[in-house]
Amino acid sequence: MGGGGLVSTVDDYLAFARMMLNYGKYGNVRILSRPSVEAMTTDQLTPQQKAAGLPGQWDSRGYGFGVGMDTKRAGVASSPGRFGWDGAFGTSWASDPKEEMTCILMTQHLGMGPPGAVGLYPDFWTLAYQAIDD
């Protein structure tokens, strides 16, 4: 169970994120099938499940098999199709197929207060998307 004490490195996290961004392939090696990654990164929540959530909780987000994803744009740091996960101990990662981008943030902080969801995470993602230059 990844949420129950997974220990890894930034390099391993990046390898996983790149593999997911490449639809299951890491380099020339197939790790997961493309349909598996597509199922993992497609919103699996029903309208009834979304309605049972907190007000606004699922307006622009969804949940696949193990990752959250953006289902519609809700600001500069939200791109439909982007998928990843924010951890409770100050980690955040996402892969964005449209932008061909993976970003990882690793801090050591328990809880969703600063630097979590109401602190560093939104700033980190806003800066990452503002840095896109094309």
C-alpha atoms as a PDB file:
ATOM      1  CA  MET A   1       0.000   0.000   0.000  1.00  0.00           C
ATOM      2  CA  GLY A   2       1.734   3.149  -1.221  1.00  0.00           C
ATOM      3  CA  GLY A   3      -0.055   5.397   1.272  1.00  0.00           C
ATOM      4  CA  GLY A   4       0.940   3.202   4.196  1.00  0.00           C
ATOM      5  CA  GLY A   5       4.661   3.795   4.335  1.00  0.00           C
ATOM      6  CA  LEU A   6       6.095   3.682   0.827  1.00  0.00           C
ATOM      7  CA  VAL A   7       9.712   4.793   0.824  1.00  0.00           C
ATOM      8  CA  SER A   8      11.395   5.807  -2.404  1.00  0.00           C
ATOM      9  CA  THR A   9      13.680   8.328  -4.065  1.00  0.00           C
ATOM     10  CA  VAL A  10      13.010  11.320  -6.295  1.00  0.00           C
ATOM     11  CA  ASP A  11      14.619   9.383  -9.164  1.00  0.00           C
ATOM     12  CA  ASP A  12      12.238   6.441  -8.670  1.00  0.00           C
ATOM     13  CA  TYR A  13       9.251   8.791  -8.414  1.00  0.00           C
ATOM     14  CA  LEU A  14      10.324  10.498 -11.645  1.00  0.00           C
ATOM     15  CA  ALA A  15      10.750   7.136 -13.410  1.00  0.00           C
ATOM     16  CA  PHE A  16       7.204   6.179 -12.371  1.00  0.00           C
ATOM     17  CA  ALA A  17       5.764   9.543 -13.467  1.00  0.00           C
ATOM     18  CA  ARG A  18       7.532   9.349 -16.841  1.00  0.00           C
ATOM     19  CA  MET A  19       6.291   5.794 -17.346  1.00  0.00           C
ATOM     20  CA  MET A  20       2.721   6.945 -16.676  1.00  0.00           C
ATOM     21  CA  LEU A  21       3.162   9.923 -19.022  1.00  0.00           C
ATOM     22  CA  ASN A  22       4.393   7.522 -21.713  1.00  0.00           C
ATOM     23  CA  TYR A  23       1.278   5.300 -21.392  1.00  0.00           C
ATOM     24  CA  GLY A  24       3.044   2.489 -19.548  1.00  0.00           C
ATOM     25  CA  LYS A  25       6.449   2.469 -21.220  1.00  0.00           C
ATOM     26  CA  TYR A  26       9.696   3.467 -19.531  1.00  0.00           C
ATOM     27  CA  GLY A  27      12.347   3.883 -22.195  1.00  0.00           C
ATOM     28  CA  ASN A  28      11.891   0.859 -24.450  1.00  0.00           C
ATOM     29  CA  VAL A  29      10.386  -1.349 -21.744  1.00  0.00           C
ATOM     30  CA  ARG A  30       6.623  -1.866 -21.409  1.00  0.00           C
ATOM     31  CA  ILE A  31       5.732  -1.835 -17.674  1.00  0.00           C
ATOM     32  CA  LEU A  32       1.935  -1.410 -17.901  1.00  0.00           C
ATOM     33  CA  SER A  33      -0.358  -1.818 -20.876  1.00  0.00           C
ATOM     34  CA  ARG A  34      -1.622   1.351 -22.530  1.00  0.00           C
ATOM     35  CA  PRO A  35      -5.263   0.435 -21.705  1.00  0.00           C
ATOM     36  CA  SER A  36      -4.292  -0.011 -18.033  1.00  0.00           C
ATOM     37  CA  VAL A  37      -2.774   3.468 -17.872  1.00  0.00           C
ATOM     38  CA  GLU A  38      -5.760   4.931 -19.714  1.00  0.00           C
ATOM     39  CA  ALA A  39      -8.131   3.343 -17.164  1.00  0.00           C
ATOM     40  CA  MET A  40      -5.983   4.600 -14.279  1.00  0.00           C
ATOM     41  CA  THR A  41      -6.023   8.156 -15.655  1.00  0.00           C
ATOM     42  CA  THR A  42      -9.717   8.327 -16.618  1.00  0.00           C
ATOM     43  CA  ASP A  43     -12.302   9.654 -14.176  1.00  0.00           C
ATOM     44  CA  GLN A  44     -14.084   6.628 -12.694  1.00  0.00           C
ATOM     45  CA  LEU A  45     -16.456   8.534 -10.381  1.00  0.00           C
ATOM     46  CA  THR A  46     -20.158   8.416 -11.159  1.00  0.00           C
ATOM     47  CA  PRO A  47     -22.328  11.541 -11.046  1.00  0.00           C
ATOM     48  CA  GLN A  48     -23.910  10.159  -7.858  1.00  0.00           C
ATOM     49  CA  GLN A  49     -20.506   9.755  -6.181  1.00  0.00           C
ATOM     50  CA  LYS A  50     -19.541  13.300  -7.154  1.00  0.00           C
ATOM     51  CA  ALA A  51     -22.855  14.639  -5.825  1.00  0.00           C
ATOM     52  CA  ALA A  52     -22.179  12.960  -2.464  1.00  0.00           C
ATOM     53  CA  GLY A  53     -18.867  14.820  -2.053  1.00  0.00           C
ATOM     54  CA  LEU A  54     -18.230  18.199  -0.502  1.00  0.00           C
ATOM     55  CA  PRO A  55     -19.700  21.180  -2.403  1.00  0.00           C
ATOM     56  CA  GLY A  56     -17.358  22.006  -5.297  1.00  0.00           C
ATOM     57  CA  GLN A  57     -15.032  19.089  -4.496  1.00  0.00           C
ATOM     58  CA  TRP A  58     -15.446  17.387  -7.872  1.00  0.00           C
ATOM     59  CA  ASP A  59     -16.318  20.389 -10.080  1.00  0.00           C
ATOM     60  CA  SER A  60     -13.059  20.188 -12.048  1.00  0.00           C
ATOM     61  CA  ARG A  61     -11.461  17.014 -10.670  1.00  0.00           C
ATOM     62  CA  GLY A  62     -11.970  13.297 -11.009  1.00  0.00           C
ATOM     63  CA  TYR A  63     -10.492  10.082  -9.676  1.00  0.00           C
ATOM     64  CA  GLY A  64      -9.162   7.153 -11.683  1.00  0.00           C
ATOM     65  CA  PHE A  65      -7.584   3.996 -10.362  1.00  0.00           C
ATOM     66  CA  GLY A  66      -5.069   5.452  -7.898  1.00  0.00           C
ATOM     67  CA  VAL A  67      -4.621   8.962  -9.282  1.00  0.00           C
ATOM     68  CA  GLY A  68      -6.623  12.155  -9.369  1.00  0.00           C
ATOM     69  CA  MET A  69      -7.070  14.112 -12.567  1.00  0.00           C
ATOM     70  CA  ASP A  70      -8.223  17.450 -13.858  1.00  0.00           C
ATOM     71  CA  THR A  71     -11.414  17.087 -15.885  1.00  0.00           C
ATOM     72  CA  LYS A  72     -11.677  20.758 -16.902  1.00  0.00           C
ATOM     73  CA  ARG A  73      -9.623  23.933 -16.585  1.00  0.00           C
ATOM     74  CA  ALA A  74     -10.026  25.677 -13.249  1.00  0.00           C
ATOM     75  CA  GLY A  75      -7.115  28.121 -13.336  1.00  0.00           C
ATOM     76  CA  VAL A  76      -3.606  28.412 -14.749  1.00  0.00           C
ATOM     77  CA  ALA A  77      -2.416  25.325 -12.834  1.00  0.00           C
ATOM     78  CA  SER A  78      -5.218  23.078 -14.041  1.00  0.00           C
ATOM     79  CA  SER A  79      -5.052  21.327 -17.379  1.00  0.00           C
ATOM     80  CA  PRO A  80      -7.712  18.816 -18.493  1.00  0.00           C
ATOM     81  CA  GLY A  81      -6.090  15.391 -18.628  1.00  0.00           C
ATOM     82  CA  ARG A  82      -3.403  16.171 -16.038  1.00  0.00           C
ATOM     83  CA  PHE A  83      -3.124  13.366 -13.488  1.00  0.00           C
ATOM     84  CA  GLY A  84      -1.194  12.776 -10.277  1.00  0.00           C
ATOM     85  CA  TRP A  85      -1.474  12.807  -6.524  1.00  0.00           C
ATOM     86  CA  ASP A  86      -0.920  15.158  -3.582  1.00  0.00           C
ATOM     87  CA  GLY A  87       0.372  13.314  -0.525  1.00  0.00           C
ATOM     88  CA  ALA A  88      -0.315  14.084   3.102  1.00  0.00           C
ATOM     89  CA  PHE A  89       3.385  14.360   3.961  1.00  0.00           C
ATOM     90  CA  GLY A  90       4.230  17.201   1.581  1.00  0.00           C
ATOM     91  CA  THR A  91       4.704  15.369  -1.715  1.00  0.00           C
ATOM     92  CA  SER A  92       2.926  16.283  -4.912  1.00  0.00           C
ATOM     93  CA  TRP A  93       3.371  14.972  -8.450  1.00  0.00           C
ATOM     94  CA  ALA A  94       1.499  15.273 -11.692  1.00  0.00           C
ATOM     95  CA  SER A  95       1.998  14.386 -15.307  1.00  0.00           C
ATOM     96  CA  ASP A  96       0.365  16.451 -18.031  1.00  0.00           C
ATOM     97  CA  PRO A  97       0.170  14.668 -21.407  1.00  0.00           C
ATOM     98  CA  LYS A  98      -0.885  17.822 -23.270  1.00  0.00           C
ATOM     99  CA  GLU A  99       2.118  19.800 -22.029  1.00  0.00           C
ATOM    100  CA  GLU A 100       4.409  16.717 -22.047  1.00  0.00           C
ATOM    101  CA  MET A 101       5.391  17.694 -18.517  1.00  0.00           C
ATOM    102  CA  THR A 102       5.969  15.955 -15.215  1.00  0.00           C
ATOM    103  CA  CYS A 103       6.573  17.854 -11.983  1.00  0.00           C
ATOM    104  CA  ILE A 104       7.397  16.512  -8.536  1.00  0.00           C
ATOM    105  CA  LEU A 105       7.485  18.374  -5.242  1.00  0.00           C
ATOM    106  CA  MET A 106       8.919  16.671  -2.172  1.00  0.00           C
ATOM    107  CA  THR A 107       8.878  18.251   1.254  1.00  0.00           C
ATOM    108  CA  GLN A 108       8.591  16.724   4.706  1.00  0.00           C
ATOM    109  CA  HIS A 109       5.482  18.059   6.382  1.00  0.00           C
ATOM    110  CA  LEU A 110       2.565  16.159   7.911  1.00  0.00           C
ATOM    111  CA  GLY A 111      -0.912  17.362   7.090  1.00  0.00           C
ATOM    112  CA  MET A 112      -2.682  19.334   4.433  1.00  0.00           C
ATOM    113  CA  GLY A 113      -2.071  22.698   6.071  1.00  0.00           C
ATOM    114  CA  PRO A 114       0.851  24.803   4.876  1.00  0.00           C
ATOM    115  CA  PRO A 115       2.821  23.748   2.903  1.00  0.00           C
ATOM    116  CA  GLY A 116       0.054  21.356   1.828  1.00  0.00           C
ATOM    117  CA  ALA A 117      -3.091  21.987  -0.141  1.00  0.00           C
ATOM    118  CA  VAL A 118      -3.726  25.475   1.248  1.00  0.00           C
ATOM    119  CA  GLY A 119      -0.076  26.489   1.135  1.00  0.00           C
ATOM    120  CA  LEU A 120       2.748  25.380  -1.100  1.00  0.00           C
ATOM    121  CA  TYR A 121       0.941  23.020  -3.504  1.00  0.00           C
ATOM    122  CA  PRO A 122      -1.114  25.664  -5.334  1.00  0.00           C
ATOM    123  CA  ASP A 123       1.892  28.000  -5.551  1.00  0.00           C
ATOM    124  CA  PHE A 124       4.137  25.203  -6.852  1.00  0.00           C
ATOM    125  CA  TRP A 125       1.705  24.219  -9.598  1.00  0.00           C
ATOM    126  CA  THR A 126       0.964  27.809 -10.587  1.00  0.00           C
ATOM    127  CA  LEU A 127       4.697  28.514 -10.969  1.00  0.00           C
ATOM    128  CA  ALA A 128       5.234  25.295 -12.958  1.00  0.00           C
ATOM    129  CA  TYR A 129       2.533  26.226 -15.483  1.00  0.00           C
ATOM    130  CA  GLN A 130       3.579  29.875 -15.652  1.00  0.00           C
ATOM    131  CA  ALA A 131       7.084  28.698 -16.652  1.00  0.00           C
ATOM    132  CA  ILE A 132       5.788  27.097 -19.876  1.00  0.00           C
ATOM    133  CA  ASP A 133       7.290  29.125 -22.723  1.00  0.00           C
ATOM    134  CA  ASP A 134       6.046  28.305 -26.205  1.00  0.00           C
END
